[in-house]
Amino acid sequence: MPKSLTAALFGLGLLASSPAFAGEKTVTLAVQNMYCAACPITVKSSLETVPGVAKVVVSYENKTAVVTFDDAKTAVPALISATTNTGYPSALKS
């Protein structure tokens, strides 16, 4: 019985601490419709409104956005929606 109790407590501990396994992720999005040097400002602003986003670097030259975020608070589809909803469709760059 003590072994099964220990296993049960260990399992509950893992479930309770699952956010501890979440972490910071960085992805690169390919961003469309950036035609002028001011466009990256809009793209960056849209991504910074997504909860959990920690850092955004947008490159007009490369048509990309490098986004660092807390994957316990947001996910890639939310990032894509943020840029798309402001007129800059994006997709995860492979």
C-alpha atoms as a PDB file:
ATOM      1  CA  MET A   1       0.000   0.000   0.000  1.00  0.00           C
ATOM      2  CA  PRO A   2       2.747   2.547   0.753  1.00  0.00           C
ATOM      3  CA  LYS A   3       4.230   2.103  -2.747  1.00  0.00           C
ATOM      4  CA  SER A   4       0.883   2.755  -4.423  1.00  0.00           C
ATOM      5  CA  LEU A   5       0.299   5.776  -2.181  1.00  0.00           C
ATOM      6  CA  THR A   6       3.726   7.120  -3.099  1.00  0.00           C
ATOM      7  CA  ALA A   7       3.020   6.580  -6.798  1.00  0.00           C
ATOM      8  CA  ALA A   8      -0.343   8.309  -6.500  1.00  0.00           C
ATOM      9  CA  LEU A   9       1.161  11.296  -4.725  1.00  0.00           C
ATOM     10  CA  PHE A  10       3.920  11.504  -7.306  1.00  0.00           C
ATOM     11  CA  GLY A  11       1.350  11.439 -10.116  1.00  0.00           C
ATOM     12  CA  LEU A  12      -0.710  14.156  -8.463  1.00  0.00           C
ATOM     13  CA  GLY A  13       2.426  16.211  -8.019  1.00  0.00           C
ATOM     14  CA  LEU A  14       3.179  15.970 -11.715  1.00  0.00           C
ATOM     15  CA  LEU A  15      -0.357  17.002 -12.642  1.00  0.00           C
ATOM     16  CA  ALA A  16      -0.301  19.914 -10.241  1.00  0.00           C
ATOM     17  CA  SER A  17       3.028  21.124 -11.568  1.00  0.00           C
ATOM     18  CA  SER A  18       2.305  20.756 -15.275  1.00  0.00           C
ATOM     19  CA  PRO A  19       2.606  24.533 -15.826  1.00  0.00           C
ATOM     20  CA  ALA A  20       6.152  24.144 -14.566  1.00  0.00           C
ATOM     21  CA  PHE A  21       6.881  22.193 -17.742  1.00  0.00           C
ATOM     22  CA  ALA A  22       5.638  25.077 -19.853  1.00  0.00           C
ATOM     23  CA  GLY A  23       8.299  27.456 -20.934  1.00  0.00           C
ATOM     24  CA  GLU A  24       9.492  30.137 -23.200  1.00  0.00           C
ATOM     25  CA  LYS A  25       9.436  29.325 -26.901  1.00  0.00           C
ATOM     26  CA  THR A  26      10.712  31.261 -29.869  1.00  0.00           C
ATOM     27  CA  VAL A  27       9.210  30.933 -33.339  1.00  0.00           C
ATOM     28  CA  THR A  28       9.722  32.685 -36.649  1.00  0.00           C
ATOM     29  CA  LEU A  29       6.692  33.769 -38.637  1.00  0.00           C
ATOM     30  CA  ALA A  30       6.786  34.561 -42.339  1.00  0.00           C
ATOM     31  CA  VAL A  31       4.745  37.752 -42.662  1.00  0.00           C
ATOM     32  CA  GLN A  32       2.994  38.873 -45.844  1.00  0.00           C
ATOM     33  CA  ASN A  33       1.919  42.346 -47.007  1.00  0.00           C
ATOM     34  CA  MET A  34       4.825  44.301 -45.506  1.00  0.00           C
ATOM     35  CA  TYR A  35       5.439  46.864 -48.233  1.00  0.00           C
ATOM     36  CA  CYS A  36       6.973  49.791 -46.376  1.00  0.00           C
ATOM     37  CA  ALA A  37       9.328  50.451 -43.485  1.00  0.00           C
ATOM     38  CA  ALA A  38       6.399  51.379 -41.199  1.00  0.00           C
ATOM     39  CA  CYS A  39       4.670  47.986 -41.573  1.00  0.00           C
ATOM     40  CA  PRO A  40       6.911  46.185 -39.048  1.00  0.00           C
ATOM     41  CA  ILE A  41       5.754  48.617 -36.361  1.00  0.00           C
ATOM     42  CA  THR A  42       2.146  47.527 -36.879  1.00  0.00           C
ATOM     43  CA  VAL A  43       3.091  43.845 -36.953  1.00  0.00           C
ATOM     44  CA  LYS A  44       5.137  44.194 -33.755  1.00  0.00           C
ATOM     45  CA  SER A  45       2.333  46.065 -32.000  1.00  0.00           C
ATOM     46  CA  SER A  46      -0.217  43.407 -32.937  1.00  0.00           C
ATOM     47  CA  LEU A  47       1.974  40.611 -31.591  1.00  0.00           C
ATOM     48  CA  GLU A  48       2.763  42.460 -28.367  1.00  0.00           C
ATOM     49  CA  THR A  49      -0.951  42.562 -27.514  1.00  0.00           C
ATOM     50  CA  VAL A  50      -1.083  38.755 -27.309  1.00  0.00           C
ATOM     51  CA  PRO A  51      -0.906  37.656 -23.646  1.00  0.00           C
ATOM     52  CA  GLY A  52       2.295  35.752 -22.941  1.00  0.00           C
ATOM     53  CA  VAL A  53       4.412  37.384 -25.648  1.00  0.00           C
ATOM     54  CA  ALA A  54       7.740  38.447 -24.152  1.00  0.00           C
ATOM     55  CA  LYS A  55       9.709  39.705 -27.159  1.00  0.00           C
ATOM     56  CA  VAL A  56       9.075  40.527 -30.815  1.00  0.00           C
ATOM     57  CA  VAL A  57      11.640  41.367 -33.496  1.00  0.00           C
ATOM     58  CA  VAL A  58      10.224  42.137 -36.935  1.00  0.00           C
ATOM     59  CA  SER A  59      12.375  42.322 -40.062  1.00  0.00           C
ATOM     60  CA  TYR A  60      11.047  44.248 -43.032  1.00  0.00           C
ATOM     61  CA  GLU A  61      13.922  43.005 -45.192  1.00  0.00           C
ATOM     62  CA  ASN A  62      13.290  39.324 -44.411  1.00  0.00           C
ATOM     63  CA  LYS A  63       9.498  39.665 -44.049  1.00  0.00           C
ATOM     64  CA  THR A  64       9.673  37.807 -40.735  1.00  0.00           C
ATOM     65  CA  ALA A  65       8.712  38.187 -37.102  1.00  0.00           C
ATOM     66  CA  VAL A  66      10.683  36.364 -34.422  1.00  0.00           C
ATOM     67  CA  VAL A  67       8.426  35.965 -31.394  1.00  0.00           C
ATOM     68  CA  THR A  68       9.369  34.736 -27.928  1.00  0.00           C
ATOM     69  CA  PHE A  69       6.381  33.733 -25.802  1.00  0.00           C
ATOM     70  CA  ASP A  70       5.243  31.730 -22.792  1.00  0.00           C
ATOM     71  CA  ASP A  71       3.623  28.603 -24.205  1.00  0.00           C
ATOM     72  CA  ALA A  72       1.489  28.247 -21.072  1.00  0.00           C
ATOM     73  CA  LYS A  73      -0.244  31.517 -21.956  1.00  0.00           C
ATOM     74  CA  THR A  74      -0.461  31.472 -25.748  1.00  0.00           C
ATOM     75  CA  ALA A  75       0.264  29.423 -28.857  1.00  0.00           C
ATOM     76  CA  VAL A  76       1.283  29.922 -32.473  1.00  0.00           C
ATOM     77  CA  PRO A  77      -2.323  30.133 -33.803  1.00  0.00           C
ATOM     78  CA  ALA A  78      -2.931  33.174 -31.571  1.00  0.00           C
ATOM     79  CA  LEU A  79       0.192  34.844 -32.955  1.00  0.00           C
ATOM     80  CA  ILE A  80      -0.904  34.146 -36.526  1.00  0.00           C
ATOM     81  CA  SER A  81      -4.380  35.517 -35.782  1.00  0.00           C
ATOM     82  CA  ALA A  82      -2.909  38.691 -34.311  1.00  0.00           C
ATOM     83  CA  THR A  83      -0.949  39.543 -37.453  1.00  0.00           C
ATOM     84  CA  THR A  84      -3.672  38.383 -39.844  1.00  0.00           C
ATOM     85  CA  ASN A  85      -6.325  40.462 -38.091  1.00  0.00           C
ATOM     86  CA  THR A  86      -4.240  43.588 -38.653  1.00  0.00           C
ATOM     87  CA  GLY A  87      -3.793  42.912 -42.365  1.00  0.00           C
ATOM     88  CA  TYR A  88      -0.542  40.981 -42.316  1.00  0.00           C
ATOM     89  CA  PRO A  89      -1.216  37.261 -42.819  1.00  0.00           C
ATOM     90  CA  SER A  90       1.533  35.105 -41.397  1.00  0.00           C
ATOM     91  CA  ALA A  91       2.522  31.474 -41.141  1.00  0.00           C
ATOM     92  CA  LEU A  92       5.052  29.510 -39.166  1.00  0.00           C
ATOM     93  CA  LYS A  93       8.320  29.582 -41.069  1.00  0.00           C
ATOM     94  CA  SER A  94       9.934  26.182 -41.420  1.00  0.00           C
END
